N, C-alpha and C. Protein backbone atom coordinates (compact mmCIF):
# COMPACT_ATOMS: atom_id res chain seq x y z
N MET A 1 -0.63 38.31 -143.96
CA MET A 1 -0.77 37.18 -143.19
C MET A 1 0.74 36.42 -143.36
N ILE A 2 1.30 35.96 -142.32
CA ILE A 2 2.59 35.34 -142.54
C ILE A 2 2.24 33.83 -141.98
N GLU A 3 2.85 32.69 -142.78
CA GLU A 3 2.53 31.43 -142.31
C GLU A 3 3.90 30.69 -142.03
N VAL A 4 4.15 30.23 -140.91
CA VAL A 4 5.47 29.39 -140.54
C VAL A 4 5.17 28.13 -140.37
N GLN A 5 5.75 27.28 -141.23
CA GLN A 5 5.73 25.85 -141.11
C GLN A 5 6.89 25.20 -140.51
N ALA A 6 6.71 24.23 -139.67
CA ALA A 6 7.65 23.49 -138.67
C ALA A 6 7.35 22.05 -138.65
N LEU A 7 8.25 21.41 -138.06
CA LEU A 7 8.17 20.04 -137.80
C LEU A 7 7.88 19.91 -136.14
N GLU A 8 6.77 19.53 -135.69
CA GLU A 8 6.29 19.22 -134.35
C GLU A 8 7.27 18.09 -133.65
N ARG A 9 7.90 18.52 -132.66
CA ARG A 9 8.69 17.55 -131.94
C ARG A 9 8.09 17.01 -130.63
N ILE A 10 6.77 17.39 -130.38
CA ILE A 10 6.22 16.82 -129.33
C ILE A 10 5.28 15.74 -129.54
N ARG A 11 5.21 14.53 -129.08
CA ARG A 11 4.49 13.20 -129.38
C ARG A 11 3.25 13.33 -128.79
N ASN A 12 2.91 13.71 -127.58
CA ASN A 12 1.69 13.78 -127.07
C ASN A 12 1.34 14.95 -126.38
N LEU A 13 0.10 14.90 -126.16
CA LEU A 13 -0.33 16.29 -125.12
C LEU A 13 -0.08 16.09 -123.81
N VAL A 14 0.27 15.09 -123.14
CA VAL A 14 0.64 15.08 -121.61
C VAL A 14 2.12 15.14 -121.30
N SER A 15 3.00 14.85 -122.26
CA SER A 15 4.20 14.99 -121.94
C SER A 15 5.02 15.56 -123.05
N PHE A 16 6.38 15.86 -122.85
CA PHE A 16 7.20 16.64 -123.96
C PHE A 16 8.13 15.40 -124.53
N GLN A 17 7.83 14.29 -124.54
CA GLN A 17 8.87 13.18 -125.21
C GLN A 17 8.95 13.62 -126.70
N PRO A 18 10.14 13.31 -127.13
CA PRO A 18 10.61 13.59 -128.61
C PRO A 18 9.85 12.66 -129.60
N GLY A 19 8.99 13.37 -130.61
CA GLY A 19 8.49 12.44 -131.39
C GLY A 19 9.40 12.56 -132.73
N SER A 20 8.74 11.90 -133.89
CA SER A 20 9.69 11.66 -135.08
C SER A 20 9.42 13.12 -135.95
N GLY A 21 8.51 13.98 -135.60
CA GLY A 21 8.42 15.23 -136.37
C GLY A 21 7.18 15.23 -137.35
N ALA A 22 5.97 15.85 -136.91
CA ALA A 22 4.84 15.96 -137.70
C ALA A 22 4.65 17.50 -138.02
N PRO A 23 4.12 17.75 -139.25
CA PRO A 23 3.96 19.18 -139.59
C PRO A 23 3.02 19.96 -138.70
N SER A 24 3.43 21.26 -138.44
CA SER A 24 2.63 22.12 -137.71
C SER A 24 2.81 23.41 -138.46
N ILE A 25 1.80 24.45 -138.30
CA ILE A 25 1.77 25.78 -138.78
C ILE A 25 1.36 26.77 -137.91
N ILE A 26 2.02 27.98 -137.93
CA ILE A 26 1.50 28.95 -136.92
C ILE A 26 1.30 30.21 -137.97
N THR A 27 0.24 30.57 -137.95
CA THR A 27 -0.10 31.97 -138.86
C THR A 27 -0.33 33.09 -138.12
N TYR A 28 0.30 34.05 -138.72
CA TYR A 28 0.59 35.44 -137.95
C TYR A 28 -0.16 36.45 -138.67
N ASP A 29 -1.12 37.14 -138.00
CA ASP A 29 -1.88 38.17 -138.86
C ASP A 29 -1.63 39.61 -138.16
N TRP A 30 -0.72 40.22 -138.97
CA TRP A 30 -0.25 41.55 -138.40
C TRP A 30 -1.21 42.73 -138.88
N ASP A 31 -1.68 43.64 -137.86
CA ASP A 31 -2.11 44.93 -138.06
C ASP A 31 -0.92 45.96 -137.87
N LEU A 32 -0.36 46.31 -138.71
CA LEU A 32 0.76 47.12 -138.71
C LEU A 32 0.69 48.49 -138.21
N GLN A 33 -0.60 49.17 -138.73
CA GLN A 33 -0.93 50.41 -138.37
C GLN A 33 -1.07 50.44 -136.68
N ASN A 34 -1.69 49.59 -136.03
CA ASN A 34 -1.98 49.40 -134.83
C ASN A 34 -0.87 48.66 -133.98
N LEU A 35 0.06 48.22 -134.55
CA LEU A 35 1.08 47.33 -133.95
C LEU A 35 0.62 46.16 -133.17
N ARG A 36 -0.41 45.39 -133.80
CA ARG A 36 -1.01 44.42 -133.11
C ARG A 36 -0.85 43.00 -134.30
N CYS A 37 -0.87 41.91 -133.34
CA CYS A 37 -0.73 40.73 -134.26
C CYS A 37 -1.44 39.69 -133.45
N THR A 38 -2.24 38.81 -134.16
CA THR A 38 -3.06 37.71 -133.55
C THR A 38 -2.19 36.62 -134.18
N TRP A 39 -2.10 35.28 -133.66
CA TRP A 39 -1.37 34.15 -134.11
C TRP A 39 -2.45 33.01 -133.69
N ALA A 40 -2.27 32.04 -134.52
CA ALA A 40 -2.94 30.60 -134.11
C ALA A 40 -1.99 29.60 -134.63
N TYR A 41 -1.83 28.42 -133.80
CA TYR A 41 -1.14 27.24 -134.09
C TYR A 41 -1.88 26.18 -134.57
N HIS A 42 -1.74 25.51 -135.53
CA HIS A 42 -2.23 24.47 -135.98
C HIS A 42 -1.38 23.26 -136.09
N GLY A 43 -1.45 22.15 -135.36
CA GLY A 43 -0.54 20.91 -135.40
C GLY A 43 -1.15 19.71 -135.52
N PRO A 44 -0.33 18.59 -135.26
CA PRO A 44 -0.81 17.33 -135.56
C PRO A 44 -1.96 16.88 -134.62
N HIS A 45 -1.99 17.68 -133.55
CA HIS A 45 -3.27 17.11 -132.58
C HIS A 45 -4.64 17.52 -133.25
N GLY A 46 -4.61 18.46 -134.33
CA GLY A 46 -5.98 18.86 -134.71
C GLY A 46 -6.79 19.70 -133.77
N SER A 47 -7.93 19.47 -133.71
CA SER A 47 -8.85 20.15 -133.01
C SER A 47 -8.82 19.84 -131.60
N ARG A 48 -8.05 18.82 -131.19
CA ARG A 48 -7.74 18.68 -129.80
C ARG A 48 -6.98 19.45 -129.03
N LEU A 49 -6.15 20.14 -129.71
CA LEU A 49 -5.27 21.26 -129.17
C LEU A 49 -5.58 22.74 -129.90
N GLU A 50 -6.10 23.57 -129.19
CA GLU A 50 -6.26 24.93 -129.74
C GLU A 50 -5.42 25.70 -129.01
N LEU A 51 -4.41 26.41 -129.62
CA LEU A 51 -3.47 27.40 -129.08
C LEU A 51 -3.48 28.61 -129.96
N ALA A 52 -3.67 29.72 -129.44
CA ALA A 52 -3.57 31.14 -130.14
C ALA A 52 -3.12 32.12 -129.16
N GLY A 53 -2.92 33.37 -129.72
CA GLY A 53 -2.48 34.35 -128.85
C GLY A 53 -2.56 35.86 -129.65
N SER A 54 -1.81 36.63 -128.97
CA SER A 54 -1.70 37.92 -129.63
C SER A 54 -0.26 38.67 -128.81
N LEU A 55 0.08 39.76 -129.78
CA LEU A 55 1.17 40.53 -129.50
C LEU A 55 0.78 41.96 -129.79
N HIS A 56 1.07 42.69 -128.86
CA HIS A 56 0.87 44.35 -128.96
C HIS A 56 2.15 45.11 -128.74
N ILE A 57 2.34 45.99 -129.52
CA ILE A 57 3.66 46.70 -129.24
C ILE A 57 3.21 48.07 -129.06
N GLU A 58 3.53 48.75 -127.79
CA GLU A 58 2.91 49.79 -127.11
C GLU A 58 4.10 50.85 -127.19
N ALA A 59 4.03 51.95 -128.07
CA ALA A 59 5.32 53.01 -127.99
C ALA A 59 5.08 53.67 -126.67
N LEU A 60 6.31 53.79 -126.04
CA LEU A 60 6.35 54.68 -124.82
C LEU A 60 7.43 55.82 -124.99
N ALA A 61 7.40 56.62 -124.13
CA ALA A 61 8.48 57.82 -124.30
C ALA A 61 9.85 57.55 -124.52
N HIS A 62 10.29 56.39 -123.83
CA HIS A 62 11.75 56.05 -124.08
C HIS A 62 11.77 54.61 -124.43
N GLY A 63 11.12 54.17 -125.47
CA GLY A 63 11.15 52.79 -126.01
C GLY A 63 9.79 52.12 -126.28
N ALA A 64 9.75 50.95 -125.99
CA ALA A 64 8.38 50.38 -126.19
C ALA A 64 7.88 49.35 -125.42
N ARG A 65 6.97 48.81 -125.18
CA ARG A 65 6.21 47.74 -124.50
C ARG A 65 5.77 46.60 -125.37
N LEU A 66 6.16 45.38 -125.07
CA LEU A 66 5.58 44.34 -125.98
C LEU A 66 4.83 43.55 -125.06
N GLN A 67 3.55 43.41 -125.44
CA GLN A 67 2.54 42.64 -124.49
C GLN A 67 2.13 41.35 -125.41
N SER A 68 2.29 40.07 -124.73
CA SER A 68 2.13 38.94 -125.32
C SER A 68 0.86 38.21 -124.49
N MET A 69 0.02 37.43 -125.04
CA MET A 69 -1.05 36.71 -124.46
C MET A 69 -1.09 35.49 -125.29
N PHE A 70 -1.53 34.35 -124.64
CA PHE A 70 -1.83 33.06 -125.21
C PHE A 70 -2.94 32.44 -124.54
N GLU A 71 -3.58 31.58 -125.36
CA GLU A 71 -4.76 30.87 -124.69
C GLU A 71 -4.54 29.42 -125.11
N VAL A 72 -4.78 28.51 -124.27
CA VAL A 72 -4.68 27.20 -124.40
C VAL A 72 -5.86 26.42 -124.16
N LYS A 73 -6.33 25.57 -125.11
CA LYS A 73 -7.39 24.58 -124.90
C LYS A 73 -7.30 23.53 -125.41
N VAL A 74 -7.47 22.34 -124.44
CA VAL A 74 -7.36 21.01 -124.93
C VAL A 74 -8.63 20.19 -124.70
N SER A 75 -8.94 19.68 -125.81
CA SER A 75 -10.25 18.86 -125.84
C SER A 75 -9.99 17.35 -125.91
N VAL A 76 -9.49 16.81 -124.79
CA VAL A 76 -9.28 15.44 -124.57
C VAL A 76 -10.09 15.06 -123.18
N PRO A 77 -11.07 14.12 -123.38
CA PRO A 77 -11.74 13.70 -122.22
C PRO A 77 -11.02 13.24 -120.97
N LEU A 78 -11.01 13.60 -119.86
CA LEU A 78 -10.34 13.38 -118.62
C LEU A 78 -8.79 13.77 -118.56
N MET A 79 -8.32 14.32 -119.85
CA MET A 79 -7.03 14.79 -119.95
C MET A 79 -6.80 16.35 -120.09
N ALA A 80 -7.82 17.01 -120.31
CA ALA A 80 -7.53 18.38 -120.69
C ALA A 80 -6.96 19.20 -119.52
N ALA A 81 -7.20 19.22 -118.43
CA ALA A 81 -6.52 20.18 -117.33
C ALA A 81 -5.18 19.91 -117.29
N PRO A 82 -4.78 18.57 -117.13
CA PRO A 82 -3.35 18.17 -116.97
C PRO A 82 -2.64 18.63 -118.37
N ALA A 83 -3.19 18.37 -119.50
CA ALA A 83 -2.46 18.47 -120.80
C ALA A 83 -2.45 20.13 -121.02
N GLU A 84 -3.47 20.81 -120.62
CA GLU A 84 -3.28 22.32 -120.63
C GLU A 84 -2.23 22.69 -119.68
N ARG A 85 -2.28 22.31 -118.62
CA ARG A 85 -0.86 22.63 -117.65
C ARG A 85 0.51 22.35 -118.36
N VAL A 86 0.59 21.26 -119.10
CA VAL A 86 1.84 20.85 -119.74
C VAL A 86 2.17 21.76 -120.73
N VAL A 87 1.17 22.10 -121.62
CA VAL A 87 1.40 23.07 -122.61
C VAL A 87 1.74 24.40 -122.20
N GLU A 88 0.95 24.73 -121.08
CA GLU A 88 1.27 26.09 -120.73
C GLU A 88 2.66 26.35 -119.96
N ALA A 89 2.95 25.26 -119.31
CA ALA A 89 4.46 25.01 -118.71
C ALA A 89 5.38 25.11 -119.74
N PHE A 90 5.19 24.50 -120.91
CA PHE A 90 6.10 24.47 -121.99
C PHE A 90 6.42 25.91 -122.55
N LEU A 91 5.32 26.75 -122.77
CA LEU A 91 5.35 28.03 -123.39
C LEU A 91 5.84 28.74 -122.27
N VAL A 92 5.63 28.74 -121.10
CA VAL A 92 6.14 29.72 -120.15
C VAL A 92 7.78 29.48 -120.11
N ALA A 93 8.16 28.01 -119.96
CA ALA A 93 9.62 27.61 -120.11
C ALA A 93 10.30 28.43 -121.25
N SER A 94 9.55 28.34 -122.50
CA SER A 94 10.17 28.89 -123.82
C SER A 94 10.22 30.44 -123.78
N TYR A 95 9.44 31.03 -123.11
CA TYR A 95 9.31 32.62 -123.05
C TYR A 95 10.50 33.41 -123.04
N PRO A 96 11.59 32.87 -121.98
CA PRO A 96 12.84 33.70 -121.98
C PRO A 96 13.47 33.75 -123.39
N GLY A 97 13.59 32.66 -124.00
CA GLY A 97 13.88 32.48 -125.33
C GLY A 97 13.46 33.45 -126.26
N PHE A 98 12.06 33.39 -126.24
CA PHE A 98 11.27 34.63 -127.17
C PHE A 98 11.64 35.83 -126.93
N ILE A 99 11.73 36.29 -125.57
CA ILE A 99 12.17 37.67 -125.22
C ILE A 99 13.66 37.86 -125.54
N ALA A 100 14.59 37.05 -125.41
CA ALA A 100 15.91 36.94 -125.76
C ALA A 100 15.96 37.34 -127.45
N ALA A 101 15.21 36.64 -128.25
CA ALA A 101 15.08 36.63 -129.84
C ALA A 101 14.64 38.20 -130.00
N VAL A 102 13.55 38.81 -129.30
CA VAL A 102 13.20 39.91 -129.41
C VAL A 102 14.01 41.03 -129.32
N ARG A 103 14.82 40.74 -127.94
CA ARG A 103 15.95 41.86 -127.76
C ARG A 103 17.02 41.84 -128.71
N ARG A 104 17.51 40.50 -129.21
CA ARG A 104 18.71 40.63 -130.24
C ARG A 104 18.11 41.44 -131.67
N ARG A 105 16.87 41.11 -131.90
CA ARG A 105 16.43 41.86 -133.01
C ARG A 105 16.26 43.38 -132.82
N ILE A 106 15.82 43.72 -131.67
CA ILE A 106 15.88 45.26 -131.65
C ILE A 106 17.16 45.65 -131.42
N GLY A 107 18.31 44.97 -130.99
CA GLY A 107 19.54 45.49 -131.01
C GLY A 107 20.18 45.57 -132.48
N GLU A 108 19.89 44.66 -133.19
CA GLU A 108 20.32 44.63 -134.55
C GLU A 108 19.44 45.88 -135.33
N THR A 109 18.53 45.93 -135.17
CA THR A 109 17.61 47.06 -135.79
C THR A 109 18.45 48.42 -135.41
N ALA A 110 18.44 48.65 -134.04
CA ALA A 110 19.10 49.84 -133.59
C ALA A 110 20.47 50.02 -134.09
N GLN A 111 21.33 49.23 -134.33
CA GLN A 111 22.53 49.14 -134.99
C GLN A 111 22.59 49.61 -136.62
N GLN A 112 21.51 49.04 -137.17
CA GLN A 112 21.34 49.24 -138.57
C GLN A 112 20.77 50.94 -138.81
N ALA A 113 20.19 51.32 -137.70
CA ALA A 113 19.64 52.62 -137.84
C ALA A 113 20.77 53.63 -137.75
N GLU A 114 21.91 53.22 -136.98
CA GLU A 114 22.95 54.35 -136.62
C GLU A 114 23.71 54.65 -137.71
């Protein structure tokens, strides 16, 4: 298991106003034999925000496919649906950066193998 600790920069669950930084942890549990990973986020919102997902790498004839899934659950009365949409929008907006990082790493690995 890999644990990543960071400072959370989101002040509340319904907007992305910058905050002072509260600790958050993302744990990654890799099954390298099956090329699968499950992850879970634990942050300053405690049980009010459940965020988890998985990654799966599938070998193809000419490369590989990375599949990523995430689930968002917000437990705040009357605010759950809007907060879930805000968190989901943030994750979708940040996804191109994730894909770019994966592509950079693949390129670095390919260059090292040559």
